Amino acid sequence: MNHRSLKRIAVSTLLACAAFVAPAMALDLTVSWQPNAESDIAGYQVSYGTVSGNYTQSMDAGNAASCLLTDIQEGVPYFIAVRAYDTAGQFSAYSSEATFFQPSPPSDPPYEPSPGELFYWKADSDVVEYSAGGDGAITPVGSITYEPGLDGNALSIFSVQSWAEFFAFGNVDPAQGAIELRLNPSWSNLDTRTRLLFQIGSGQKNCIKCWFYRGSLYLYAWDGAGVMRRTYLLSRQYSLPAGQWTTIKAVWNDHATDTDNLAIYINDVKKAGLVKKPWSAKRMDFSNASVYLGQSPDASNWTLNGLIDEVRITE
C-alpha cells in the first residue's frame, strides 16, 4: 500500500454559503478525485492548509470520491491533497496538490456626500453614512424592526410608542434646507388615523412636522417666534398609494417669498399646497434639534404604519 499512488484530484464545485465570517465570507468547497482501483481501498483522507505542503487540517471522506470543506475563507490561499488508506490502515502517498483561492470582494469606498448634504442614512446598513453635525446615531424607541425594502432592508414602524430618533444638526443651522425620505405606507388614502412621517425639533418653536391624515398630506412649521405656517395636499390630487415606494421631500427656505418658503415634493415633483398662515421673519433654528421618524414624543399616537428606506437632509 505504501507504494500505491492516488490519481490527481480536481476542485470541481464551489458553493458560497449565506453565513458571514468577519472579515470575509465563509465558503463551502467541494473537492473531488478519481478513486483508486485497488480492491482493498477502505477510504480517503483529505488534508489541507494555507501553506503549500503543510497540511494542518484533515478530514476523513470514507469511501466517497468527494468531500465538502467548510469555513473556507475568501482572500486566503488553500493547498489540498488526498491520500488513500487500505483495510489495514496503511496510507498511500499524497496526491498531487490542488490549490484554491477566492479573492475577497473589494470593500465599499467611503461615502462621498453631495454638495450641501448634511446627513444621509440608509436602513439597509443600519449605519449613518454621513453626518455633518451631531453624532448622527440612530436611536430606536419601542418596537422597531427591519423588513425587506426597496434596496436591502427597510425600517419598519408599526407599533404605537415606537419611532426612530437621530441627532443630525448639531451646530449646523441652515436658513434653507430639505429633508427627503423614501416611504412605503401600509395605510390607504382614506385612512382616518394620523400618520407621522417625520418631525424636526419639538414643541411649537423651530419645529417642522409632516403627517398624513384623512386623505391629505400636511406640512406644518413653527418658526423661532412660534408663528405657525402650514401647507397641505389633497389625496384626490396627489395620492400616496399603499404598498408602493414614494419619495417625500419637504423644503424650507427663510429667504424665499411667502409662497415658496415651505413646499412638498412627491417623487421629485413639486406639489402646490394651500398656505394657511404667513411666514415669520425669524429664521428656523435647528441647532441641536433631533429628527424623529414614524412618531415622536410630541405625537405619541401618530404611528407611521409603514416602511422607511433612507433619509437625506440637505441645506
C-alpha atoms as a PDB file:
ATOM      1  CA  MET A   1       0.000   0.000   0.000  1.00  0.00           C
ATOM      2  CA  ASN A   2       2.808   2.429   0.773  1.00  0.00           C
ATOM      3  CA  HIS A   3       3.908   2.343  -2.857  1.00  0.00           C
ATOM      4  CA  ARG A   4       0.460   2.998  -4.270  1.00  0.00           C
ATOM      5  CA  SER A   5      -0.308   6.390  -5.702  1.00  0.00           C
ATOM      6  CA  LEU A   6      -3.575   8.277  -5.798  1.00  0.00           C
ATOM      7  CA  LYS A   7      -4.784   9.751  -9.037  1.00  0.00           C
ATOM      8  CA  ARG A   8      -4.728  13.529  -9.325  1.00  0.00           C
ATOM      9  CA  ILE A   9      -7.589  15.348  -7.625  1.00  0.00           C
ATOM     10  CA  ALA A  10      -9.579  18.244  -9.015  1.00  0.00           C
ATOM     11  CA  VAL A  11     -11.610  21.017  -7.455  1.00  0.00           C
ATOM     12  CA  SER A  12     -14.963  20.569  -9.138  1.00  0.00           C
ATOM     13  CA  THR A  13     -17.645  22.683  -7.442  1.00  0.00           C
ATOM     14  CA  LEU A  14     -17.689  25.864  -5.385  1.00  0.00           C
ATOM     15  CA  LEU A  15     -20.693  26.844  -3.303  1.00  0.00           C
ATOM     16  CA  ALA A  16     -20.936  30.165  -1.422  1.00  0.00           C
ATOM     17  CA  CYS A  17     -22.944  29.921   1.772  1.00  0.00           C
ATOM     18  CA  ALA A  18     -25.138  32.632   3.279  1.00  0.00           C
ATOM     19  CA  ALA A  19     -23.218  32.789   6.559  1.00  0.00           C
ATOM     20  CA  PHE A  20     -20.632  35.517   7.037  1.00  0.00           C
ATOM     21  CA  VAL A  21     -17.389  35.156   8.981  1.00  0.00           C
ATOM     22  CA  ALA A  22     -15.693  38.501   9.570  1.00  0.00           C
ATOM     23  CA  PRO A  23     -13.809  39.934   7.895  1.00  0.00           C
ATOM     24  CA  ALA A  24     -14.505  37.704   4.880  1.00  0.00           C
ATOM     25  CA  MET A  25     -17.262  35.471   3.648  1.00  0.00           C
ATOM     26  CA  ALA A  26     -17.111  31.751   4.526  1.00  0.00           C
ATOM     27  CA  LEU A  27     -17.355  29.327   1.612  1.00  0.00           C
ATOM     28  CA  ASP A  28     -18.087  25.636   1.223  1.00  0.00           C
ATOM     29  CA  LEU A  29     -15.623  23.958  -1.147  1.00  0.00           C
ATOM     30  CA  THR A  30     -16.309  20.568  -2.730  1.00  0.00           C
ATOM     31  CA  VAL A  31     -13.146  18.603  -3.607  1.00  0.00           C
ATOM     32  CA  SER A  32     -13.430  15.514  -5.850  1.00  0.00           C
ATOM     33  CA  TRP A  33     -10.985  12.948  -7.184  1.00  0.00           C
ATOM     34  CA  GLN A  34     -10.823   9.774  -9.224  1.00  0.00           C
ATOM     35  CA  PRO A  35     -10.972   6.761  -6.863  1.00  0.00           C
ATOM     36  CA  ASN A  36      -8.242   4.117  -6.810  1.00  0.00           C
ATOM     37  CA  ALA A  37      -8.884   0.765  -8.492  1.00  0.00           C
ATOM     38  CA  GLU A  38      -7.400  -1.448  -5.726  1.00  0.00           C
ATOM     39  CA  SER A  39      -9.920  -3.766  -4.092  1.00  0.00           C
ATOM     40  CA  ASP A  40      -8.613  -3.238  -0.550  1.00  0.00           C
ATOM     41  CA  ILE A  41      -9.084   0.550  -0.505  1.00  0.00           C
ATOM     42  CA  ALA A  42     -11.017   1.454   2.665  1.00  0.00           C
ATOM     43  CA  GLY A  43     -11.286   5.208   2.255  1.00  0.00           C
ATOM     44  CA  TYR A  44      -9.659   8.569   1.623  1.00  0.00           C
ATOM     45  CA  GLN A  45      -8.274  11.355   3.781  1.00  0.00           C
ATOM     46  CA  VAL A  46      -8.421  14.967   2.564  1.00  0.00           C
ATOM     47  CA  SER A  47      -5.749  17.227   4.021  1.00  0.00           C
ATOM     48  CA  TYR A  48      -5.364  20.968   3.512  1.00  0.00           C
ATOM     49  CA  GLY A  49      -3.677  24.093   4.800  1.00  0.00           C
ATOM     50  CA  THR A  50      -2.741  27.632   3.864  1.00  0.00           C
ATOM     51  CA  VAL A  51       0.929  26.831   3.101  1.00  0.00           C
ATOM     52  CA  SER A  52       1.973  24.516   0.273  1.00  0.00           C
ATOM     53  CA  GLY A  53       2.955  21.066   1.584  1.00  0.00           C
ATOM     54  CA  ASN A  54       1.978  21.941   5.173  1.00  0.00           C
ATOM     55  CA  TYR A  55      -1.451  20.403   5.792  1.00  0.00           C
ATOM     56  CA  THR A  56      -2.775  21.499   9.172  1.00  0.00           C
ATOM     57  CA  GLN A  57      -6.303  20.109   8.816  1.00  0.00           C
ATOM     58  CA  SER A  58      -7.613  16.740   7.667  1.00  0.00           C
ATOM     59  CA  MET A  59     -10.992  15.179   7.011  1.00  0.00           C
ATOM     60  CA  ASP A  60     -11.921  11.533   6.529  1.00  0.00           C
ATOM     61  CA  ALA A  61     -14.076  11.190   3.414  1.00  0.00           C
ATOM     62  CA  GLY A  62     -14.778   7.496   3.923  1.00  0.00           C
ATOM     63  CA  ASN A  63     -15.083   5.551   0.693  1.00  0.00           C
ATOM     64  CA  ALA A  64     -16.583   8.534  -1.190  1.00  0.00           C
ATOM     65  CA  ALA A  65     -14.852  10.238  -4.116  1.00  0.00           C
ATOM     66  CA  SER A  66     -15.579  13.774  -2.940  1.00  0.00           C
ATOM     67  CA  CYS A  67     -15.522  15.807   0.256  1.00  0.00           C
ATOM     68  CA  LEU A  68     -17.049  19.086   1.410  1.00  0.00           C
ATOM     69  CA  LEU A  69     -14.677  21.513   3.148  1.00  0.00           C
ATOM     70  CA  THR A  70     -16.448  24.175   5.194  1.00  0.00           C
ATOM     71  CA  ASP A  71     -15.454  27.573   6.565  1.00  0.00           C
ATOM     72  CA  ILE A  72     -13.112  28.301   3.681  1.00  0.00           C
ATOM     73  CA  GLN A  73     -12.196  31.993   3.800  1.00  0.00           C
ATOM     74  CA  GLU A  74     -12.025  34.451   0.950  1.00  0.00           C
ATOM     75  CA  GLY A  75      -8.669  36.102   0.429  1.00  0.00           C
ATOM     76  CA  VAL A  76      -6.742  33.087   1.787  1.00  0.00           C
ATOM     77  CA  PRO A  77      -4.924  30.504  -0.416  1.00  0.00           C
ATOM     78  CA  TYR A  78      -5.632  26.824   0.288  1.00  0.00           C
ATOM     79  CA  PHE A  79      -3.468  23.834  -0.689  1.00  0.00           C
ATOM     80  CA  ILE A  80      -5.256  20.490  -0.803  1.00  0.00           C
ATOM     81  CA  ALA A  81      -4.058  16.894  -1.173  1.00  0.00           C
ATOM     82  CA  VAL A  82      -5.705  13.488  -0.813  1.00  0.00           C
ATOM     83  CA  ARG A  83      -4.333  10.099   0.145  1.00  0.00           C
ATOM     84  CA  ALA A  84      -5.946   6.691   0.287  1.00  0.00           C
ATOM     85  CA  TYR A  85      -5.833   4.161   3.105  1.00  0.00           C
ATOM     86  CA  ASP A  86      -6.454   0.431   2.931  1.00  0.00           C
ATOM     87  CA  THR A  87      -8.198  -2.068   5.189  1.00  0.00           C
ATOM     88  CA  ALA A  88      -5.001  -2.476   7.171  1.00  0.00           C
ATOM     89  CA  GLY A  89      -4.847   1.238   7.947  1.00  0.00           C
ATOM     90  CA  GLN A  90      -1.882   1.956   5.693  1.00  0.00           C
ATOM     91  CA  PHE A  91      -1.794   5.289   3.828  1.00  0.00           C
ATOM     92  CA  SER A  92      -0.666   5.977   0.305  1.00  0.00           C
ATOM     93  CA  ALA A  93       1.491   8.927  -0.618  1.00  0.00           C
ATOM     94  CA  TYR A  94      -0.293  12.233  -1.091  1.00  0.00           C
ATOM     95  CA  SER A  95      -1.786  13.026  -4.435  1.00  0.00           C
ATOM     96  CA  SER A  96      -0.536  15.973  -6.423  1.00  0.00           C
ATOM     97  CA  GLU A  97      -1.519  19.199  -4.722  1.00  0.00           C
ATOM     98  CA  ALA A  98      -4.544  21.249  -5.776  1.00  0.00           C
ATOM     99  CA  THR A  99      -4.845  24.923  -4.940  1.00  0.00           C
ATOM    100  CA  PHE A 100      -7.821  27.142  -4.350  1.00  0.00           C
ATOM    101  CA  PHE A 101      -8.050  30.906  -3.894  1.00  0.00           C
ATOM    102  CA  GLN A 102     -11.142  33.098  -3.850  1.00  0.00           C
ATOM    103  CA  PRO A 103     -10.293  36.830  -3.893  1.00  0.00           C
ATOM    104  CA  SER A 104     -12.003  38.991  -1.296  1.00  0.00           C
ATOM    105  CA  PRO A 105     -14.614  41.334  -2.757  1.00  0.00           C
ATOM    106  CA  PRO A 106     -13.498  44.946  -2.965  1.00  0.00           C
ATOM    107  CA  SER A 107     -14.513  46.979   0.049  1.00  0.00           C
ATOM    108  CA  ASP A 108     -17.053  49.734  -0.465  1.00  0.00           C
ATOM    109  CA  PRO A 109     -15.444  53.147  -0.926  1.00  0.00           C
ATOM    110  CA  PRO A 110     -16.122  55.747   1.759  1.00  0.00           C
ATOM    111  CA  TYR A 111     -19.398  57.572   1.292  1.00  0.00           C
ATOM    112  CA  GLU A 112     -18.956  60.867  -0.550  1.00  0.00           C
ATOM    113  CA  PRO A 113     -21.629  63.428   0.400  1.00  0.00           C
ATOM    114  CA  SER A 114     -23.052  65.555  -2.354  1.00  0.00           C
ATOM    115  CA  PRO A 115     -22.648  69.364  -2.164  1.00  0.00           C
ATOM    116  CA  GLY A 116     -24.848  70.791   0.578  1.00  0.00           C
ATOM    117  CA  GLU A 117     -25.601  67.400   2.108  1.00  0.00           C
ATOM    118  CA  LEU A 118     -25.849  67.428   5.912  1.00  0.00           C
ATOM    119  CA  PHE A 119     -26.997  63.900   6.694  1.00  0.00           C
ATOM    120  CA  TYR A 120     -27.563  60.565   4.967  1.00  0.00           C
ATOM    121  CA  TRP A 121     -28.789  57.316   6.468  1.00  0.00           C
ATOM    122  CA  LYS A 122     -29.807  54.078   4.762  1.00  0.00           C
ATOM    123  CA  ALA A 123     -31.752  51.468   6.689  1.00  0.00           C
ATOM    124  CA  ASP A 124     -30.050  48.563   4.903  1.00  0.00           C
ATOM    125  CA  SER A 125     -26.724  49.164   6.620  1.00  0.00           C
ATOM    126  CA  ASP A 126     -28.204  50.466   9.897  1.00  0.00           C
ATOM    127  CA  VAL A 127     -25.277  52.892   9.874  1.00  0.00           C
ATOM    128  CA  VAL A 128     -25.275  56.622   9.327  1.00  0.00           C
ATOM    129  CA  GLU A 129     -23.289  57.106   6.127  1.00  0.00           C
ATOM    130  CA  TYR A 130     -22.672  60.799   6.712  1.00  0.00           C
ATOM    131  CA  SER A 131     -23.475  63.449   9.317  1.00  0.00           C
ATOM    132  CA  ALA A 132     -22.118  66.991   9.085  1.00  0.00           C
ATOM    133  CA  GLY A 133     -23.426  67.942  12.534  1.00  0.00           C
ATOM    134  CA  GLY A 134     -24.395  65.984  15.621  1.00  0.00           C
ATOM    135  CA  ASP A 135     -23.431  62.392  16.221  1.00  0.00           C
ATOM    136  CA  GLY A 136     -25.961  61.049  13.733  1.00  0.00           C
ATOM    137  CA  ALA A 137     -26.551  57.897  15.780  1.00  0.00           C
ATOM    138  CA  ILE A 138     -29.925  56.236  15.206  1.00  0.00           C
ATOM    139  CA  THR A 139     -31.812  55.592  18.457  1.00  0.00           C
ATOM    140  CA  PRO A 140     -34.729  53.141  18.216  1.00  0.00           C
ATOM    141  CA  VAL A 141     -37.638  53.685  20.597  1.00  0.00           C
ATOM    142  CA  GLY A 142     -40.230  50.973  21.235  1.00  0.00           C
ATOM    143  CA  SER A 143     -40.728  48.171  18.701  1.00  0.00           C
ATOM    144  CA  ILE A 144     -38.503  48.925  15.709  1.00  0.00           C
ATOM    145  CA  THR A 145     -37.754  46.097  13.275  1.00  0.00           C
ATOM    146  CA  TYR A 146     -36.287  45.667   9.794  1.00  0.00           C
ATOM    147  CA  GLU A 147     -38.032  44.114   6.811  1.00  0.00           C
ATOM    148  CA  PRO A 148     -37.101  43.643   3.134  1.00  0.00           C
ATOM    149  CA  GLY A 149     -37.256  47.002   1.425  1.00  0.00           C
ATOM    150  CA  LEU A 150     -36.631  48.587  -1.927  1.00  0.00           C
ATOM    151  CA  ASP A 151     -32.877  48.032  -1.776  1.00  0.00           C
ATOM    152  CA  GLY A 152     -31.934  45.704   1.081  1.00  0.00           C
ATOM    153  CA  ASN A 153     -33.669  46.220   4.397  1.00  0.00           C
ATOM    154  CA  ALA A 154     -36.066  48.985   5.421  1.00  0.00           C
ATOM    155  CA  LEU A 155     -37.032  50.379   8.806  1.00  0.00           C
ATOM    156  CA  SER A 156     -40.436  49.033   9.870  1.00  0.00           C
ATOM    157  CA  ILE A 157     -42.573  51.191  12.202  1.00  0.00           C
ATOM    158  CA  PHE A 158     -45.978  49.706  13.015  1.00  0.00           C
ATOM    159  CA  SER A 159     -46.319  49.894  16.810  1.00  0.00           C
ATOM    160  CA  VAL A 160     -47.661  52.749  18.931  1.00  0.00           C
ATOM    161  CA  GLN A 161     -44.984  54.463  21.032  1.00  0.00           C
ATOM    162  CA  SER A 162     -42.331  53.419  18.519  1.00  0.00           C
ATOM    163  CA  TRP A 163     -40.092  55.668  16.456  1.00  0.00           C
ATOM    164  CA  ALA A 164     -36.517  56.252  15.339  1.00  0.00           C
ATOM    165  CA  GLU A 165     -34.653  59.331  16.532  1.00  0.00           C
ATOM    166  CA  PHE A 166     -31.341  60.762  15.409  1.00  0.00           C
ATOM    167  CA  PHE A 167     -29.312  63.880  16.110  1.00  0.00           C
ATOM    168  CA  ALA A 168     -28.340  65.283  12.725  1.00  0.00           C
ATOM    169  CA  PHE A 169     -27.813  69.013  13.031  1.00  0.00           C
ATOM    170  CA  GLY A 170     -25.529  69.788  15.974  1.00  0.00           C
ATOM    171  CA  ASN A 171     -24.357  73.349  15.385  1.00  0.00           C
ATOM    172  CA  VAL A 172     -25.431  73.233  11.747  1.00  0.00           C
ATOM    173  CA  ASP A 173     -28.297  75.708  11.375  1.00  0.00           C
ATOM    174  CA  PRO A 174     -29.357  76.087   7.748  1.00  0.00           C
ATOM    175  CA  ALA A 175     -31.580  79.020   6.824  1.00  0.00           C
ATOM    176  CA  GLN A 176     -32.769  76.827   3.996  1.00  0.00           C
ATOM    177  CA  GLY A 177     -32.817  73.103   3.645  1.00  0.00           C
ATOM    178  CA  ALA A 178     -34.713  69.950   2.844  1.00  0.00           C
ATOM    179  CA  ILE A 179     -35.389  66.526   4.335  1.00  0.00           C
ATOM    180  CA  GLU A 180     -36.118  63.645   1.999  1.00  0.00           C
ATOM    181  CA  LEU A 181     -37.143  60.068   2.739  1.00  0.00           C
ATOM    182  CA  ARG A 182     -38.373  57.024   0.852  1.00  0.00           C
ATOM    183  CA  LEU A 183     -41.634  55.728   2.271  1.00  0.00           C
ATOM    184  CA  ASN A 184     -43.798  52.645   1.738  1.00  0.00           C
ATOM    185  CA  PRO A 185     -47.100  53.203   3.610  1.00  0.00           C
ATOM    186  CA  SER A 186     -49.399  50.393   4.633  1.00  0.00           C
ATOM    187  CA  TRP A 187     -52.438  52.653   5.016  1.00  0.00           C
ATOM    188  CA  SER A 188     -54.836  53.752   2.311  1.00  0.00           C
ATOM    189  CA  ASN A 189     -55.597  57.311   1.283  1.00  0.00           C
ATOM    190  CA  LEU A 190     -58.878  57.140   3.186  1.00  0.00           C
ATOM    191  CA  ASP A 191     -57.161  56.248   6.455  1.00  0.00           C
ATOM    192  CA  THR A 192     -58.685  58.085   9.421  1.00  0.00           C
ATOM    193  CA  ARG A 193     -55.638  57.824  11.671  1.00  0.00           C
ATOM    194  CA  THR A 194     -52.885  60.445  11.751  1.00  0.00           C
ATOM    195  CA  ARG A 195     -49.613  59.011  10.379  1.00  0.00           C
ATOM    196  CA  LEU A 196     -46.476  60.975  11.246  1.00  0.00           C
ATOM    197  CA  LEU A 197     -43.797  60.697   8.564  1.00  0.00           C
ATOM    198  CA  PHE A 198     -41.096  62.818  10.186  1.00  0.00           C
ATOM    199  CA  GLN A 199     -40.528  65.650  12.630  1.00  0.00           C
ATOM    200  CA  ILE A 200     -37.585  68.030  13.072  1.00  0.00           C
ATOM    201  CA  GLY A 201     -37.312  69.572  16.511  1.00  0.00           C
ATOM    202  CA  SER A 202     -40.074  69.508  19.126  1.00  0.00           C
ATOM    203  CA  GLY A 203     -42.654  71.762  20.701  1.00  0.00           C
ATOM    204  CA  GLN A 204     -44.089  74.736  18.822  1.00  0.00           C
ATOM    205  CA  LYS A 205     -40.902  76.660  18.067  1.00  0.00           C
ATOM    206  CA  ASN A 206     -38.291  75.717  15.470  1.00  0.00           C
ATOM    207  CA  CYS A 207     -40.223  72.611  14.556  1.00  0.00           C
ATOM    208  CA  ILE A 208     -41.386  71.023  11.297  1.00  0.00           C
ATOM    209  CA  LYS A 209     -43.857  68.147  11.136  1.00  0.00           C
ATOM    210  CA  CYS A 210     -45.094  66.175   8.150  1.00  0.00           C
ATOM    211  CA  TRP A 211     -48.033  63.819   8.501  1.00  0.00           C
ATOM    212  CA  PHE A 212     -50.887  62.174   6.630  1.00  0.00           C
ATOM    213  CA  TYR A 213     -54.498  62.481   7.805  1.00  0.00           C
ATOM    214  CA  ARG A 214     -57.834  61.666   6.125  1.00  0.00           C
ATOM    215  CA  GLY A 215     -56.575  61.749   2.580  1.00  0.00           C
ATOM    216  CA  SER A 216     -54.288  64.781   2.914  1.00  0.00           C
ATOM    217  CA  LEU A 217     -50.558  65.221   3.393  1.00  0.00           C
ATOM    218  CA  TYR A 218     -49.750  68.051   5.817  1.00  0.00           C
ATOM    219  CA  LEU A 219     -46.551  70.011   6.325  1.00  0.00           C
ATOM    220  CA  TYR A 220     -46.560  72.266   9.403  1.00  0.00           C
ATOM    221  CA  ALA A 221     -43.790  74.589  10.532  1.00  0.00           C
ATOM    222  CA  TRP A 222     -43.315  76.720  13.620  1.00  0.00           C
ATOM    223  CA  ASP A 223     -40.532  79.299  13.332  1.00  0.00           C
ATOM    224  CA  GLY A 224     -38.311  80.711  16.060  1.00  0.00           C
ATOM    225  CA  ALA A 225     -41.009  83.155  17.114  1.00  0.00           C
ATOM    226  CA  GLY A 226     -43.598  80.403  17.476  1.00  0.00           C
ATOM    227  CA  VAL A 227     -45.531  81.539  14.398  1.00  0.00           C
ATOM    228  CA  MET A 228     -47.120  78.619  12.556  1.00  0.00           C
ATOM    229  CA  ARG A 229     -47.302  78.199   8.825  1.00  0.00           C
ATOM    230  CA  ARG A 230     -48.725  75.179   7.016  1.00  0.00           C
ATOM    231  CA  THR A 231     -49.421  73.737   3.601  1.00  0.00           C
ATOM    232  CA  TYR A 232     -51.333  70.602   2.696  1.00  0.00           C
ATOM    233  CA  LEU A 233     -52.021  68.419  -0.325  1.00  0.00           C
ATOM    234  CA  LEU A 234     -55.310  66.728  -1.128  1.00  0.00           C
ATOM    235  CA  SER A 235     -55.090  62.987  -1.777  1.00  0.00           C
ATOM    236  CA  ARG A 236     -57.536  63.301  -4.692  1.00  0.00           C
ATOM    237  CA  GLN A 237     -54.766  65.118  -6.495  1.00  0.00           C
ATOM    238  CA  TYR A 238     -51.602  63.594  -5.030  1.00  0.00           C
ATOM    239  CA  SER A 239     -52.081  60.130  -3.578  1.00  0.00           C
ATOM    240  CA  LEU A 240     -49.629  58.074  -1.559  1.00  0.00           C
ATOM    241  CA  PRO A 241     -50.504  54.552  -2.696  1.00  0.00           C
ATOM    242  CA  ALA A 242     -50.274  51.837  -0.061  1.00  0.00           C
ATOM    243  CA  GLY A 243     -47.656  49.178  -0.694  1.00  0.00           C
ATOM    244  CA  GLN A 244     -45.649  51.342  -3.096  1.00  0.00           C
ATOM    245  CA  TRP A 245     -42.426  53.266  -2.551  1.00  0.00           C
ATOM    246  CA  THR A 246     -42.776  57.040  -2.694  1.00  0.00           C
ATOM    247  CA  THR A 247     -40.149  59.741  -2.194  1.00  0.00           C
ATOM    248  CA  ILE A 248     -41.327  62.592   0.053  1.00  0.00           C
ATOM    249  CA  LYS A 249     -39.278  65.777   0.269  1.00  0.00           C
ATOM    250  CA  ALA A 250     -40.044  68.794   2.466  1.00  0.00           C
ATOM    251  CA  VAL A 251     -38.255  72.067   1.727  1.00  0.00           C
ATOM    252  CA  TRP A 252     -37.929  75.195   3.873  1.00  0.00           C
ATOM    253  CA  ASN A 253     -36.309  78.489   2.926  1.00  0.00           C
ATOM    254  CA  ASP A 254     -36.232  81.525   5.206  1.00  0.00           C
ATOM    255  CA  HIS A 255     -35.150  83.778   2.351  1.00  0.00           C
ATOM    256  CA  ALA A 256     -37.731  82.836  -0.265  1.00  0.00           C
ATOM    257  CA  THR A 257     -41.041  84.501  -0.982  1.00  0.00           C
ATOM    258  CA  ASP A 258     -44.072  83.652   1.125  1.00  0.00           C
ATOM    259  CA  THR A 259     -45.450  81.175  -1.394  1.00  0.00           C
ATOM    260  CA  ASP A 260     -42.170  79.310  -1.888  1.00  0.00           C
ATOM    261  CA  ASN A 261     -40.547  79.066   1.510  1.00  0.00           C
ATOM    262  CA  LEU A 262     -42.335  75.866   2.544  1.00  0.00           C
ATOM    263  CA  ALA A 263     -43.082  73.172  -0.008  1.00  0.00           C
ATOM    264  CA  ILE A 264     -43.511  69.433  -0.565  1.00  0.00           C
ATOM    265  CA  TYR A 265     -42.156  67.354  -3.432  1.00  0.00           C
ATOM    266  CA  ILE A 266     -43.511  63.886  -4.245  1.00  0.00           C
ATOM    267  CA  ASN A 267     -41.219  61.750  -6.416  1.00  0.00           C
ATOM    268  CA  ASP A 268     -39.209  64.910  -7.244  1.00  0.00           C
ATOM    269  CA  VAL A 269     -42.262  66.844  -8.456  1.00  0.00           C
ATOM    270  CA  LYS A 270     -43.218  69.996  -6.553  1.00  0.00           C
ATOM    271  CA  LYS A 271     -46.870  69.990  -5.455  1.00  0.00           C
ATOM    272  CA  ALA A 272     -48.988  73.056  -4.923  1.00  0.00           C
ATOM    273  CA  GLY A 273     -50.269  73.414  -1.377  1.00  0.00           C
ATOM    274  CA  LEU A 274     -52.802  75.600   0.379  1.00  0.00           C
ATOM    275  CA  VAL A 275     -50.964  78.172   2.515  1.00  0.00           C
ATOM    276  CA  LYS A 276     -52.738  78.899   5.793  1.00  0.00           C
ATOM    277  CA  LYS A 277     -50.513  81.388   7.603  1.00  0.00           C
ATOM    278  CA  PRO A 278     -47.733  83.796   6.622  1.00  0.00           C
ATOM    279  CA  TRP A 279     -44.089  83.087   7.349  1.00  0.00           C
ATOM    280  CA  SER A 280     -42.355  84.963  10.160  1.00  0.00           C
ATOM    281  CA  ALA A 281     -39.184  86.948   9.571  1.00  0.00           C
ATOM    282  CA  LYS A 282     -37.499  84.876  12.295  1.00  0.00           C
ATOM    283  CA  ARG A 283     -35.326  82.155  10.794  1.00  0.00           C
ATOM    284  CA  MET A 284     -35.632  78.492  11.691  1.00  0.00           C
ATOM    285  CA  ASP A 285     -33.122  77.374  14.297  1.00  0.00           C
ATOM    286  CA  PHE A 286     -32.456  73.641  14.177  1.00  0.00           C
ATOM    287  CA  SER A 287     -29.193  73.705  16.129  1.00  0.00           C
ATOM    288  CA  ASN A 288     -29.165  70.701  18.472  1.00  0.00           C
ATOM    289  CA  ALA A 289     -32.544  69.537  17.128  1.00  0.00           C
ATOM    290  CA  SER A 290     -33.412  65.852  16.902  1.00  0.00           C
ATOM    291  CA  VAL A 291     -35.136  64.276  13.909  1.00  0.00           C
ATOM    292  CA  TYR A 292     -37.917  61.747  14.504  1.00  0.00           C
ATOM    293  CA  LEU A 293     -39.183  59.128  12.059  1.00  0.00           C
ATOM    294  CA  GLY A 294     -42.596  57.500  12.247  1.00  0.00           C
ATOM    295  CA  GLN A 295     -43.666  59.020  15.550  1.00  0.00           C
ATOM    296  CA  SER A 296     -42.304  61.306  18.267  1.00  0.00           C
ATOM    297  CA  PRO A 297     -42.817  62.251  21.934  1.00  0.00           C
ATOM    298  CA  ASP A 298     -44.976  65.153  20.667  1.00  0.00           C
ATOM    299  CA  ALA A 299     -47.264  62.844  18.697  1.00  0.00           C
ATOM    300  CA  SER A 300     -47.311  59.625  20.691  1.00  0.00           C
ATOM    301  CA  ASN A 301     -50.303  58.097  18.883  1.00  0.00           C
ATOM    302  CA  TRP A 302     -49.441  59.100  15.310  1.00  0.00           C
ATOM    303  CA  THR A 303     -47.944  55.770  14.322  1.00  0.00           C
ATOM    304  CA  LEU A 304     -46.467  55.630  10.821  1.00  0.00           C
ATOM    305  CA  ASN A 305     -47.574  52.076   9.916  1.00  0.00           C
ATOM    306  CA  GLY A 306     -45.144  51.608   7.078  1.00  0.00           C
ATOM    307  CA  LEU A 307     -41.547  51.271   5.935  1.00  0.00           C
ATOM    308  CA  ILE A 308     -38.810  53.895   5.609  1.00  0.00           C
ATOM    309  CA  ASP A 309     -35.830  53.068   3.435  1.00  0.00           C
ATOM    310  CA  GLU A 310     -33.492  56.077   3.686  1.00  0.00           C
ATOM    311  CA  VAL A 311     -33.277  59.673   4.898  1.00  0.00           C
ATOM    312  CA  ARG A 312     -31.301  62.557   3.429  1.00  0.00           C
ATOM    313  CA  ILE A 313     -31.015  66.132   4.749  1.00  0.00           C
ATOM    314  CA  THR A 314     -29.533  68.953   2.692  1.00  0.00           C
ATOM    315  CA  GLU A 315     -29.114  72.683   3.059  1.00  0.00           C
END
